[in-house]
Amino acid sequence: AVVSTQSTGVSFHVHCGAANKQRKTKKINGRNMRNITTDAIIEQILQSDLADTELPSSLEGCIELYETTLSKILDNLAPIEEKEISLSQKPLWFTQDCYAVLRNRRKAERKYRKL
């Protein structure tokens, strides 16, 4: 940014290197579990193969049916979404000594609260 005044002939030039840097990002996979209600889960289970009276006779078959059915229900109610998050960079001046000071302060606060 350049700021100048014609009457005094003074100009200021400010170069901000941080504005040109692109933030580092990372892609993560996650589910929005907040939108799932208990009623929706119960409804999905009652409509699934788990509600049938004829279950597999073997333990392995029951476990496989249970896992696949609940996975399908979860995928239906809260599908996996890919999100891009920005990775924050710590300032150069915030060193390990700063972290140590913060740890000691919190430790002292905990001791104080116990009194």
PDB file of N, CA and C in Angstrom:
ATOM      1  N   ALA A   1       0.837  -1.168   0.000  1.00  0.00           N
ATOM      2  CA  ALA A   1       0.000   0.000   0.000  1.00  0.00           C
ATOM      3  C   ALA A   1       0.888   1.239   0.000  1.00  0.00           C
ATOM      4  N   VAL A   2       0.500   2.221  -0.749  1.00  0.00           N
ATOM      5  CA  VAL A   2       1.246   3.471  -0.813  1.00  0.00           C
ATOM      6  C   VAL A   2       0.323   4.593  -0.355  1.00  0.00           C
ATOM      7  N   VAL A   3       0.778   5.352   0.616  1.00  0.00           N
ATOM      8  CA  VAL A   3       0.025   6.503   1.114  1.00  0.00           C
ATOM      9  C   VAL A   3       0.877   7.732   0.859  1.00  0.00           C
ATOM     10  N   SER A   4       0.320   8.723   0.205  1.00  0.00           N
ATOM     11  CA  SER A   4       1.091   9.943  -0.057  1.00  0.00           C
ATOM     12  C   SER A   4       0.201  11.160   0.123  1.00  0.00           C
ATOM     13  N   THR A   5       0.841  12.222   0.508  1.00  0.00           N
ATOM     14  CA  THR A   5       0.144  13.502   0.609  1.00  0.00           C
ATOM     15  C   THR A   5       0.867  14.486  -0.286  1.00  0.00           C
ATOM     16  N   GLN A   6       0.137  15.154  -1.155  1.00  0.00           N
ATOM     17  CA  GLN A   6       0.764  16.066  -2.109  1.00  0.00           C
ATOM     18  C   GLN A   6       1.191  17.370  -1.451  1.00  0.00           C
ATOM     19  N   SER A   7       0.489  17.782  -0.401  1.00  0.00           N
ATOM     20  CA  SER A   7       0.819  19.077   0.197  1.00  0.00           C
ATOM     21  C   SER A   7       2.162  19.038   0.921  1.00  0.00           C
ATOM     22  N   THR A   8       2.502  17.917   1.565  1.00  0.00           N
ATOM     23  CA  THR A   8       3.767  17.852   2.296  1.00  0.00           C
ATOM     24  C   THR A   8       4.855  17.151   1.500  1.00  0.00           C
ATOM     25  N   GLY A   9       4.466  16.432   0.474  1.00  0.00           N
ATOM     26  CA  GLY A   9       5.447  15.708  -0.325  1.00  0.00           C
ATOM     27  C   GLY A   9       5.958  14.450   0.360  1.00  0.00           C
ATOM     28  N   VAL A  10       5.248  13.953   1.366  1.00  0.00           N
ATOM     29  CA  VAL A  10       5.650  12.766   2.114  1.00  0.00           C
ATOM     30  C   VAL A  10       4.864  11.574   1.595  1.00  0.00           C
ATOM     31  N   SER A  11       5.557  10.493   1.394  1.00  0.00           N
ATOM     32  CA  SER A  11       4.869   9.267   0.994  1.00  0.00           C
ATOM     33  C   SER A  11       5.382   8.101   1.824  1.00  0.00           C
ATOM     34  N   PHE A  12       4.506   7.180   2.098  1.00  0.00           N
ATOM     35  CA  PHE A  12       4.850   5.990   2.859  1.00  0.00           C
ATOM     36  C   PHE A  12       4.634   4.765   1.979  1.00  0.00           C
ATOM     37  N   HIS A  13       5.580   3.882   1.983  1.00  0.00           N
ATOM     38  CA  HIS A  13       5.459   2.617   1.256  1.00  0.00           C
ATOM     39  C   HIS A  13       5.484   1.489   2.276  1.00  0.00           C
ATOM     40  N   VAL A  14       4.436   0.701   2.282  1.00  0.00           N
ATOM     41  CA  VAL A  14       4.349  -0.417   3.210  1.00  0.00           C
ATOM     42  C   VAL A  14       4.244  -1.687   2.386  1.00  0.00           C
ATOM     43  N   HIS A  15       5.187  -2.591   2.611  1.00  0.00           N
ATOM     44  CA  HIS A  15       5.168  -3.881   1.916  1.00  0.00           C
ATOM     45  C   HIS A  15       4.900  -4.962   2.948  1.00  0.00           C
ATOM     46  N   CYS A  16       3.856  -5.674   2.724  1.00  0.00           N
ATOM     47  CA  CYS A  16       3.493  -6.746   3.653  1.00  0.00           C
ATOM     48  C   CYS A  16       3.743  -8.071   2.953  1.00  0.00           C
ATOM     49  N   GLY A  17       4.746  -8.781   3.414  1.00  0.00           N
ATOM     50  CA  GLY A  17       5.095 -10.062   2.792  1.00  0.00           C
ATOM     51  C   GLY A  17       4.065 -11.140   3.062  1.00  0.00           C
ATOM     52  N   ALA A  18       3.321 -11.037   4.156  1.00  0.00           N
ATOM     53  CA  ALA A  18       2.351 -12.066   4.510  1.00  0.00           C
ATOM     54  C   ALA A  18       1.167 -12.092   3.548  1.00  0.00           C
ATOM     55  N   ALA A  19       0.892 -10.959   2.930  1.00  0.00           N
ATOM     56  CA  ALA A  19      -0.255 -10.907   2.027  1.00  0.00           C
ATOM     57  C   ALA A  19      -0.021 -11.739   0.777  1.00  0.00           C
ATOM     58  N   ASN A  20       1.220 -11.908   0.383  1.00  0.00           N
ATOM     59  CA  ASN A  20       1.523 -12.661  -0.831  1.00  0.00           C
ATOM     60  C   ASN A  20       1.616 -14.158  -0.580  1.00  0.00           C
ATOM     61  N   LYS A  21       1.774 -14.559   0.661  1.00  0.00           N
ATOM     62  CA  LYS A  21       1.927 -15.976   0.964  1.00  0.00           C
ATOM     63  C   LYS A  21       0.570 -16.660   0.932  1.00  0.00           C
ATOM     64  N   GLN A  22       0.549 -17.844   0.347  1.00  0.00           N
ATOM     65  CA  GLN A  22      -0.668 -18.631   0.358  1.00  0.00           C
ATOM     66  C   GLN A  22      -0.638 -19.548   1.570  1.00  0.00           C
ATOM     67  N   ARG A  23      -1.774 -19.710   2.204  1.00  0.00           N
ATOM     68  CA  ARG A  23      -1.856 -20.589   3.370  1.00  0.00           C
ATOM     69  C   ARG A  23      -1.734 -22.043   2.929  1.00  0.00           C
ATOM     70  N   LYS A  24      -1.056 -22.809   3.755  1.00  0.00           N
ATOM     71  CA  LYS A  24      -0.966 -24.235   3.484  1.00  0.00           C
ATOM     72  C   LYS A  24      -2.267 -24.882   3.925  1.00  0.00           C
ATOM     73  N   THR A  25      -2.765 -25.781   3.096  1.00  0.00           N
ATOM     74  CA  THR A  25      -4.026 -26.444   3.400  1.00  0.00           C
ATOM     75  C   THR A  25      -3.834 -27.947   3.411  1.00  0.00           C
ATOM     76  N   LYS A  26      -4.787 -28.607   4.031  1.00  0.00           N
ATOM     77  CA  LYS A  26      -4.772 -30.058   4.112  1.00  0.00           C
ATOM     78  C   LYS A  26      -6.197 -30.537   3.899  1.00  0.00           C
ATOM     79  N   LYS A  27      -6.365 -31.633   3.169  1.00  0.00           N
ATOM     80  CA  LYS A  27      -7.688 -32.194   2.944  1.00  0.00           C
ATOM     81  C   LYS A  27      -7.917 -33.318   3.948  1.00  0.00           C
ATOM     82  N   ILE A  28      -9.083 -33.256   4.594  1.00  0.00           N
ATOM     83  CA  ILE A  28      -9.443 -34.282   5.561  1.00  0.00           C
ATOM     84  C   ILE A  28     -10.833 -34.814   5.240  1.00  0.00           C
ATOM     85  N   ASN A  29     -11.103 -36.024   5.679  1.00  0.00           N
ATOM     86  CA  ASN A  29     -12.414 -36.626   5.507  1.00  0.00           C
ATOM     87  C   ASN A  29     -13.104 -36.655   6.857  1.00  0.00           C
ATOM     88  N   GLY A  30     -14.390 -36.354   6.859  1.00  0.00           N
ATOM     89  CA  GLY A  30     -15.130 -36.371   8.110  1.00  0.00           C
ATOM     90  C   GLY A  30     -16.621 -36.480   7.856  1.00  0.00           C
ATOM     91  N   ARG A  31     -17.350 -36.655   8.932  1.00  0.00           N
ATOM     92  CA  ARG A  31     -18.802 -36.770   8.866  1.00  0.00           C
ATOM     93  C   ARG A  31     -19.426 -35.675   9.724  1.00  0.00           C
ATOM     94  N   ASN A  32     -20.589 -35.197   9.321  1.00  0.00           N
ATOM     95  CA  ASN A  32     -21.343 -34.238  10.115  1.00  0.00           C
ATOM     96  C   ASN A  32     -22.315 -35.030  10.985  1.00  0.00           C
ATOM     97  N   MET A  33     -21.860 -35.412  12.172  1.00  0.00           N
ATOM     98  CA  MET A  33     -22.643 -36.268  13.059  1.00  0.00           C
ATOM     99  C   MET A  33     -23.710 -35.490  13.835  1.00  0.00           C
ATOM    100  N   ARG A  34     -23.634 -34.170  13.816  1.00  0.00           N
ATOM    101  CA  ARG A  34     -24.574 -33.369  14.608  1.00  0.00           C
ATOM    102  C   ARG A  34     -26.000 -33.456  14.094  1.00  0.00           C
ATOM    103  N   ASN A  35     -26.167 -33.736  12.814  1.00  0.00           N
ATOM    104  CA  ASN A  35     -27.503 -33.755  12.231  1.00  0.00           C
ATOM    105  C   ASN A  35     -28.226 -35.082  12.434  1.00  0.00           C
ATOM    106  N   ILE A  36     -27.557 -36.074  12.993  1.00  0.00           N
ATOM    107  CA  ILE A  36     -28.170 -37.382  13.181  1.00  0.00           C
ATOM    108  C   ILE A  36     -29.009 -37.358  14.456  1.00  0.00           C
ATOM    109  N   THR A  37     -30.261 -37.805  14.325  1.00  0.00           N
ATOM    110  CA  THR A  37     -31.137 -37.898  15.492  1.00  0.00           C
ATOM    111  C   THR A  37     -31.356 -39.367  15.842  1.00  0.00           C
ATOM    112  N   THR A  38     -31.714 -39.604  17.076  1.00  0.00           N
ATOM    113  CA  THR A  38     -31.978 -40.968  17.530  1.00  0.00           C
ATOM    114  C   THR A  38     -33.150 -41.566  16.773  1.00  0.00           C
ATOM    115  N   ASP A  39     -34.166 -40.754  16.519  1.00  0.00           N
ATOM    116  CA  ASP A  39     -35.334 -41.250  15.784  1.00  0.00           C
ATOM    117  C   ASP A  39     -34.960 -41.693  14.376  1.00  0.00           C
ATOM    118  N   ALA A  40     -34.067 -40.957  13.725  1.00  0.00           N
ATOM    119  CA  ALA A  40     -33.636 -41.324  12.376  1.00  0.00           C
ATOM    120  C   ALA A  40     -32.876 -42.653  12.387  1.00  0.00           C
ATOM    121  N   ILE A  41     -32.049 -42.856  13.387  1.00  0.00           N
ATOM    122  CA  ILE A  41     -31.298 -44.120  13.485  1.00  0.00           C
ATOM    123  C   ILE A  41     -32.258 -45.282  13.711  1.00  0.00           C
ATOM    124  N   ILE A  42     -33.213 -45.111  14.627  1.00  0.00           N
ATOM    125  CA  ILE A  42     -34.179 -46.177  14.920  1.00  0.00           C
ATOM    126  C   ILE A  42     -34.992 -46.511  13.680  1.00  0.00           C
ATOM    127  N   GLU A  43     -35.419 -45.482  12.966  1.00  0.00           N
ATOM    128  CA  GLU A  43     -36.205 -45.701  11.744  1.00  0.00           C
ATOM    129  C   GLU A  43     -35.407 -46.480  10.702  1.00  0.00           C
ATOM    130  N   GLN A  44     -34.146 -46.111  10.530  1.00  0.00           N
ATOM    131  CA  GLN A  44     -33.296 -46.806   9.554  1.00  0.00           C
ATOM    132  C   GLN A  44     -33.054 -48.268   9.971  1.00  0.00           C
ATOM    133  N   ILE A  45     -32.854 -48.494  11.263  1.00  0.00           N
ATOM    134  CA  ILE A  45     -32.619 -49.868  11.735  1.00  0.00           C
ATOM    135  C   ILE A  45     -33.866 -50.719  11.532  1.00  0.00           C
ATOM    136  N   LEU A  46     -35.044 -50.162  11.808  1.00  0.00           N
ATOM    137  CA  LEU A  46     -36.283 -50.916  11.633  1.00  0.00           C
ATOM    138  C   LEU A  46     -36.555 -51.258  10.169  1.00  0.00           C
ATOM    139  N   GLN A  47     -36.033 -50.453   9.254  1.00  0.00           N
ATOM    140  CA  GLN A  47     -36.220 -50.715   7.825  1.00  0.00           C
ATOM    141  C   GLN A  47     -35.096 -51.597   7.263  1.00  0.00           C
ATOM    142  N   SER A  48     -34.104 -51.920   8.059  1.00  0.00           N
ATOM    143  CA  SER A  48     -32.947 -52.664   7.562  1.00  0.00           C
ATOM    144  C   SER A  48     -33.120 -54.168   7.747  1.00  0.00           C
ATOM    145  N   ASP A  49     -32.087 -54.898   7.348  1.00  0.00           N
ATOM    146  CA  ASP A  49     -32.076 -56.362   7.491  1.00  0.00           C
ATOM    147  C   ASP A  49     -31.951 -56.787   8.948  1.00  0.00           C
ATOM    148  N   LEU A  50     -31.526 -55.907   9.821  1.00  0.00           N
ATOM    149  CA  LEU A  50     -31.404 -56.267  11.240  1.00  0.00           C
ATOM    150  C   LEU A  50     -32.767 -56.492  11.881  1.00  0.00           C
ATOM    151  N   ALA A  51     -33.808 -55.884  11.331  1.00  0.00           N
ATOM    152  CA  ALA A  51     -35.146 -56.041  11.891  1.00  0.00           C
ATOM    153  C   ALA A  51     -35.798 -57.357  11.467  1.00  0.00           C
ATOM    154  N   ASP A  52     -35.212 -58.061  10.518  1.00  0.00           N
ATOM    155  CA  ASP A  52     -35.760 -59.348  10.092  1.00  0.00           C
ATOM    156  C   ASP A  52     -35.622 -60.368  11.209  1.00  0.00           C
ATOM    157  N   THR A  53     -36.570 -61.290  11.244  1.00  0.00           N
ATOM    158  CA  THR A  53     -36.510 -62.328  12.272  1.00  0.00           C
ATOM    159  C   THR A  53     -35.503 -63.405  11.902  1.00  0.00           C
ATOM    160  N   GLU A  54     -35.193 -63.540  10.617  1.00  0.00           N
ATOM    161  CA  GLU A  54     -34.239 -64.561  10.182  1.00  0.00           C
ATOM    162  C   GLU A  54     -32.846 -63.964  10.100  1.00  0.00           C
ATOM    163  N   LEU A  55     -32.070 -64.195  11.129  1.00  0.00           N
ATOM    164  CA  LEU A  55     -30.692 -63.741  11.161  1.00  0.00           C
ATOM    165  C   LEU A  55     -29.786 -64.908  10.796  1.00  0.00           C
ATOM    166  N   PRO A  56     -28.577 -64.637  10.350  1.00  0.00           N
ATOM    167  CA  PRO A  56     -27.651 -65.736  10.053  1.00  0.00           C
ATOM    168  C   PRO A  56     -27.433 -66.614  11.281  1.00  0.00           C
ATOM    169  N   SER A  57     -27.196 -67.883  11.028  1.00  0.00           N
ATOM    170  CA  SER A  57     -27.055 -68.821  12.140  1.00  0.00           C
ATOM    171  C   SER A  57     -25.679 -68.746  12.798  1.00  0.00           C
ATOM    172  N   SER A  58     -24.676 -68.287  12.060  1.00  0.00           N
ATOM    173  CA  SER A  58     -23.331 -68.235  12.629  1.00  0.00           C
ATOM    174  C   SER A  58     -23.067 -66.873  13.266  1.00  0.00           C
ATOM    175  N   LEU A  59     -22.169 -66.866  14.232  1.00  0.00           N
ATOM    176  CA  LEU A  59     -21.785 -65.626  14.892  1.00  0.00           C
ATOM    177  C   LEU A  59     -21.118 -64.681  13.910  1.00  0.00           C
ATOM    178  N   GLU A  60     -20.236 -65.209  13.055  1.00  0.00           N
ATOM    179  CA  GLU A  60     -19.552 -64.379  12.068  1.00  0.00           C
ATOM    180  C   GLU A  60     -20.544 -63.730  11.113  1.00  0.00           C
ATOM    181  N   GLY A  61     -21.581 -64.481  10.710  1.00  0.00           N
ATOM    182  CA  GLY A  61     -22.598 -63.931   9.826  1.00  0.00           C
ATOM    183  C   GLY A  61     -23.371 -62.806  10.482  1.00  0.00           C
ATOM    184  N   CYS A  62     -23.692 -62.975  11.763  1.00  0.00           N
ATOM    185  CA  CYS A  62     -24.408 -61.918  12.498  1.00  0.00           C
ATOM    186  C   CYS A  62     -23.548 -60.671  12.632  1.00  0.00           C
ATOM    187  N   ILE A  63     -22.273 -60.851  12.942  1.00  0.00           N
ATOM    188  CA  ILE A  63     -21.373 -59.702  13.083  1.00  0.00           C
ATOM    189  C   ILE A  63     -21.222 -58.973  11.760  1.00  0.00           C
ATOM    190  N   GLU A  64     -21.074 -59.735  10.671  1.00  0.00           N
ATOM    191  CA  GLU A  64     -20.928 -59.109   9.352  1.00  0.00           C
ATOM    192  C   GLU A  64     -22.194 -58.348   8.966  1.00  0.00           C
ATOM    193  N   LEU A  65     -23.362 -58.939   9.216  1.00  0.00           N
ATOM    194  CA  LEU A  65     -24.625 -58.264   8.921  1.00  0.00           C
ATOM    195  C   LEU A  65     -24.756 -56.988   9.747  1.00  0.00           C
ATOM    196  N   TYR A  66     -24.409 -57.065  11.016  1.00  0.00           N
ATOM    197  CA  TYR A  66     -24.473 -55.913  11.919  1.00  0.00           C
ATOM    198  C   TYR A  66     -23.561 -54.791  11.426  1.00  0.00           C
ATOM    199  N   GLU A  67     -22.313 -55.121  11.107  1.00  0.00           N
ATOM    200  CA  GLU A  67     -21.351 -54.106  10.660  1.00  0.00           C
ATOM    201  C   GLU A  67     -21.752 -53.476   9.342  1.00  0.00           C
ATOM    202  N   THR A  68     -22.132 -54.298   8.363  1.00  0.00           N
ATOM    203  CA  THR A  68     -22.472 -53.743   7.047  1.00  0.00           C
ATOM    204  C   THR A  68     -23.747 -52.898   7.116  1.00  0.00           C
ATOM    205  N   THR A  69     -24.737 -53.355   7.882  1.00  0.00           N
ATOM    206  CA  THR A  69     -25.987 -52.611   7.976  1.00  0.00           C
ATOM    207  C   THR A  69     -25.779 -51.272   8.662  1.00  0.00           C
ATOM    208  N   LEU A  70     -25.052 -51.263   9.784  1.00  0.00           N
ATOM    209  CA  LEU A  70     -24.819 -50.004  10.487  1.00  0.00           C
ATOM    210  C   LEU A  70     -23.918 -49.062   9.689  1.00  0.00           C
ATOM    211  N   SER A  71     -22.991 -49.619   8.918  1.00  0.00           N
ATOM    212  CA  SER A  71     -22.154 -48.770   8.056  1.00  0.00           C
ATOM    213  C   SER A  71     -22.996 -48.104   6.978  1.00  0.00           C
ATOM    214  N   LYS A  72     -23.925 -48.855   6.391  1.00  0.00           N
ATOM    215  CA  LYS A  72     -24.805 -48.276   5.375  1.00  0.00           C
ATOM    216  C   LYS A  72     -25.695 -47.193   5.967  1.00  0.00           C
ATOM    217  N   ILE A  73     -26.201 -47.443   7.177  1.00  0.00           N
ATOM    218  CA  ILE A  73     -27.051 -46.450   7.842  1.00  0.00           C
ATOM    219  C   ILE A  73     -26.251 -45.173   8.122  1.00  0.00           C
ATOM    220  N   LEU A  74     -25.030 -45.348   8.613  1.00  0.00           N
ATOM    221  CA  LEU A  74     -24.191 -44.180   8.897  1.00  0.00           C
ATOM    222  C   LEU A  74     -23.857 -43.424   7.612  1.00  0.00           C
ATOM    223  N   ASP A  75     -23.553 -44.145   6.535  1.00  0.00           N
ATOM    224  CA  ASP A  75     -23.271 -43.488   5.259  1.00  0.00           C
ATOM    225  C   ASP A  75     -24.495 -42.747   4.725  1.00  0.00           C
ATOM    226  N   ASN A  76     -25.673 -43.282   5.011  1.00  0.00           N
ATOM    227  CA  ASN A  76     -26.897 -42.653   4.552  1.00  0.00           C
ATOM    228  C   ASN A  76     -27.200 -41.385   5.348  1.00  0.00           C
ATOM    229  N   LEU A  77     -27.047 -41.463   6.680  1.00  0.00           N
ATOM    230  CA  LEU A  77     -27.389 -40.322   7.531  1.00  0.00           C
ATOM    231  C   LEU A  77     -26.298 -39.256   7.575  1.00  0.00           C
ATOM    232  N   ALA A  78     -25.041 -39.681   7.518  1.00  0.00           N
ATOM    233  CA  ALA A  78     -23.919 -38.730   7.588  1.00  0.00           C
ATOM    234  C   ALA A  78     -22.824 -39.191   6.629  1.00  0.00           C
ATOM    235  N   PRO A  79     -22.968 -38.875   5.352  1.00  0.00           N
ATOM    236  CA  PRO A  79     -21.963 -39.318   4.386  1.00  0.00           C
ATOM    237  C   PRO A  79     -20.603 -38.675   4.651  1.00  0.00           C
ATOM    238  N   ILE A  80     -19.566 -39.370   4.230  1.00  0.00           N
ATOM    239  CA  ILE A  80     -18.205 -38.848   4.389  1.00  0.00           C
ATOM    240  C   ILE A  80     -18.025 -37.683   3.429  1.00  0.00           C
ATOM    241  N   GLU A  81     -17.552 -36.564   3.963  1.00  0.00           N
ATOM    242  CA  GLU A  81     -17.311 -35.367   3.162  1.00  0.00           C
ATOM    243  C   GLU A  81     -15.840 -34.995   3.248  1.00  0.00           C
ATOM    244  N   GLU A  82     -15.291 -34.550   2.132  1.00  0.00           N
ATOM    245  CA  GLU A  82     -13.911 -34.086   2.120  1.00  0.00           C
ATOM    246  C   GLU A  82     -13.903 -32.588   2.375  1.00  0.00           C
ATOM    247  N   LYS A  83     -13.111 -32.188   3.368  1.00  0.00           N
ATOM    248  CA  LYS A  83     -13.014 -30.771   3.710  1.00  0.00           C
ATOM    249  C   LYS A  83     -11.575 -30.328   3.588  1.00  0.00           C
ATOM    250  N   GLU A  84     -11.397 -29.071   3.256  1.00  0.00           N
ATOM    251  CA  GLU A  84     -10.056 -28.490   3.159  1.00  0.00           C
ATOM    252  C   GLU A  84      -9.875 -27.528   4.321  1.00  0.00           C
ATOM    253  N   ILE A  85      -8.888 -27.803   5.151  1.00  0.00           N
ATOM    254  CA  ILE A  85      -8.616 -26.946   6.295  1.00  0.00           C
ATOM    255  C   ILE A  85      -7.279 -26.254   6.082  1.00  0.00           C
ATOM    256  N   SER A  86      -7.141 -25.075   6.665  1.00  0.00           N
ATOM    257  CA  SER A  86      -5.875 -24.364   6.553  1.00  0.00           C
ATOM    258  C   SER A  86      -5.033 -24.670   7.777  1.00  0.00           C
ATOM    259  N   LEU A  87      -3.773 -24.914   7.531  1.00  0.00           N
ATOM    260  CA  LEU A  87      -2.841 -25.216   8.602  1.00  0.00           C
ATOM    261  C   LEU A  87      -2.266 -23.908   9.121  1.00  0.00           C
ATOM    262  N   SER A  88      -2.413 -23.692  10.411  1.00  0.00           N
ATOM    263  CA  SER A  88      -1.912 -22.451  10.976  1.00  0.00           C
ATOM    264  C   SER A  88      -0.417 -22.573  11.250  1.00  0.00           C
ATOM    265  N   GLN A  89       0.277 -21.499  10.993  1.00  0.00           N
ATOM    266  CA  GLN A  89       1.712 -21.466  11.250  1.00  0.00           C
ATOM    267  C   GLN A  89       1.952 -20.669  12.519  1.00  0.00           C
ATOM    268  N   LYS A  90       2.798 -21.190  13.354  1.00  0.00           N
ATOM    269  CA  LYS A  90       3.126 -20.491  14.586  1.00  0.00           C
ATOM    270  C   LYS A  90       4.077 -19.346  14.274  1.00  0.00           C
ATOM    271  N   PRO A  91       3.921 -18.236  14.980  1.00  0.00           N
ATOM    272  CA  PRO A  91       4.839 -17.118  14.754  1.00  0.00           C
ATOM    273  C   PRO A  91       6.270 -17.503  15.125  1.00  0.00           C
ATOM    274  N   LEU A  92       7.227 -16.926  14.439  1.00  0.00           N
ATOM    275  CA  LEU A  92       8.626 -17.257  14.680  1.00  0.00           C
ATOM    276  C   LEU A  92       9.075 -16.870  16.081  1.00  0.00           C
ATOM    277  N   TRP A  93       8.485 -15.821  16.644  1.00  0.00           N
ATOM    278  CA  TRP A  93       8.902 -15.372  17.963  1.00  0.00           C
ATOM    279  C   TRP A  93       8.365 -16.251  19.077  1.00  0.00           C
ATOM    280  N   PHE A  94       7.351 -17.102  18.790  1.00  0.00           N
ATOM    281  CA  PHE A  94       6.756 -17.956  19.817  1.00  0.00           C
ATOM    282  C   PHE A  94       7.561 -19.242  19.898  1.00  0.00           C
ATOM    283  N   THR A  95       8.552 -19.261  20.757  1.00  0.00           N
ATOM    284  CA  THR A  95       9.504 -20.370  20.841  1.00  0.00           C
ATOM    285  C   THR A  95       9.102 -21.343  21.939  1.00  0.00           C
ATOM    286  N   GLN A  96       9.930 -22.355  22.118  1.00  0.00           N
ATOM    287  CA  GLN A  96       9.699 -23.337  23.180  1.00  0.00           C
ATOM    288  C   GLN A  96       9.750 -22.690  24.560  1.00  0.00           C
ATOM    289  N   ASP A  97      10.542 -21.641  24.698  1.00  0.00           N
ATOM    290  CA  ASP A  97      10.589 -20.924  25.974  1.00  0.00           C
ATOM    291  C   ASP A  97       9.230 -20.311  26.304  1.00  0.00           C
ATOM    292  N   CYS A  98       8.540 -19.797  25.292  1.00  0.00           N
ATOM    293  CA  CYS A  98       7.208 -19.227  25.507  1.00  0.00           C
ATOM    294  C   CYS A  98       6.235 -20.316  25.967  1.00  0.00           C
ATOM    295  N   TYR A  99       6.313 -21.487  25.334  1.00  0.00           N
ATOM    296  CA  TYR A  99       5.460 -22.595  25.746  1.00  0.00           C
ATOM    297  C   TYR A  99       5.753 -22.996  27.191  1.00  0.00           C
ATOM    298  N   ALA A 100       7.035 -23.000  27.567  1.00  0.00           N
ATOM    299  CA  ALA A 100       7.414 -23.362  28.933  1.00  0.00           C
ATOM    300  C   ALA A 100       6.846 -22.369  29.936  1.00  0.00           C
ATOM    301  N   VAL A 101       6.882 -21.081  29.606  1.00  0.00           N
ATOM    302  CA  VAL A 101       6.333 -20.062  30.494  1.00  0.00           C
ATOM    303  C   VAL A 101       4.827 -20.269  30.657  1.00  0.00           C
ATOM    304  N   LEU A 102       4.132 -20.553  29.559  1.00  0.00           N
ATOM    305  CA  LEU A 102       2.690 -20.792  29.633  1.00  0.00           C
ATOM    306  C   LEU A 102       2.370 -22.023  30.477  1.00  0.00           C
ATOM    307  N   ARG A 103       3.157 -23.099  30.292  1.00  0.00           N
ATOM    308  CA  ARG A 103       2.948 -24.311  31.089  1.00  0.00           C
ATOM    309  C   ARG A 103       3.121 -24.027  32.569  1.00  0.00           C
ATOM    310  N   ASN A 104       4.177 -23.286  32.917  1.00  0.00           N
ATOM    311  CA  ASN A 104       4.426 -22.959  34.319  1.00  0.00           C
ATOM    312  C   ASN A 104       3.319 -22.084  34.900  1.00  0.00           C
ATOM    313  N   ARG A 105       2.806 -21.158  34.094  1.00  0.00           N
ATOM    314  CA  ARG A 105       1.719 -20.304  34.564  1.00  0.00           C
ATOM    315  C   ARG A 105       0.472 -21.136  34.840  1.00  0.00           C
ATOM    316  N   ARG A 106       0.126 -22.048  33.923  1.00  0.00           N
ATOM    317  CA  ARG A 106      -1.055 -22.895  34.129  1.00  0.00           C
ATOM    318  C   ARG A 106      -0.879 -23.811  35.336  1.00  0.00           C
ATOM    319  N   LYS A 107       0.338 -24.310  35.521  1.00  0.00           N
ATOM    320  CA  LYS A 107       0.640 -25.156  36.668  1.00  0.00           C
ATOM    321  C   LYS A 107       0.435 -24.381  37.962  1.00  0.00           C
ATOM    322  N   ALA A 108       0.915 -23.137  37.994  1.00  0.00           N
ATOM    323  CA  ALA A 108       0.742 -22.299  39.177  1.00  0.00           C
ATOM    324  C   ALA A 108      -0.734 -21.985  39.413  1.00  0.00           C
ATOM    325  N   GLU A 109      -1.500 -21.773  38.337  1.00  0.00           N
ATOM    326  CA  GLU A 109      -2.936 -21.504  38.477  1.00  0.00           C
ATOM    327  C   GLU A 109      -3.654 -22.706  39.070  1.00  0.00           C
ATOM    328  N   ARG A 110      -3.300 -23.912  38.647  1.00  0.00           N
ATOM    329  CA  ARG A 110      -3.919 -25.118  39.189  1.00  0.00           C
ATOM    330  C   ARG A 110      -3.597 -25.273  40.673  1.00  0.00           C
ATOM    331  N   LYS A 111      -2.347 -24.997  41.047  1.00  0.00           N
ATOM    332  CA  LYS A 111      -1.962 -25.063  42.463  1.00  0.00           C
ATOM    333  C   LYS A 111      -2.751 -24.040  43.269  1.00  0.00           C
ATOM    334  N   TYR A 112      -2.921 -22.850  42.733  1.00  0.00           N
ATOM    335  CA  TYR A 112      -3.643 -21.802  43.424  1.00  0.00           C
ATOM    336  C   TYR A 112      -5.104 -22.187  43.654  1.00  0.00           C
ATOM    337  N   ARG A 113      -5.716 -22.807  42.641  1.00  0.00           N
ATOM    338  CA  ARG A 113      -7.117 -23.210  42.753  1.00  0.00           C
ATOM    339  C   ARG A 113      -7.323 -24.285  43.816  1.00  0.00           C
ATOM    340  N   LYS A 114      -6.313 -25.123  44.028  1.00  0.00           N
ATOM    341  CA  LYS A 114      -6.423 -26.177  45.034  1.00  0.00           C
ATOM    342  C   LYS A 114      -6.402 -25.641  46.462  1.00  0.00           C
ATOM    343  N   LEU A 115      -5.841 -24.450  46.631  1.00  0.00           N
ATOM    344  CA  LEU A 115      -5.756 -23.869  47.985  1.00  0.00           C
ATOM    345  C   LEU A 115      -7.075 -23.532  48.580  1.00  0.00           C
TER     346      LEU A 115
END
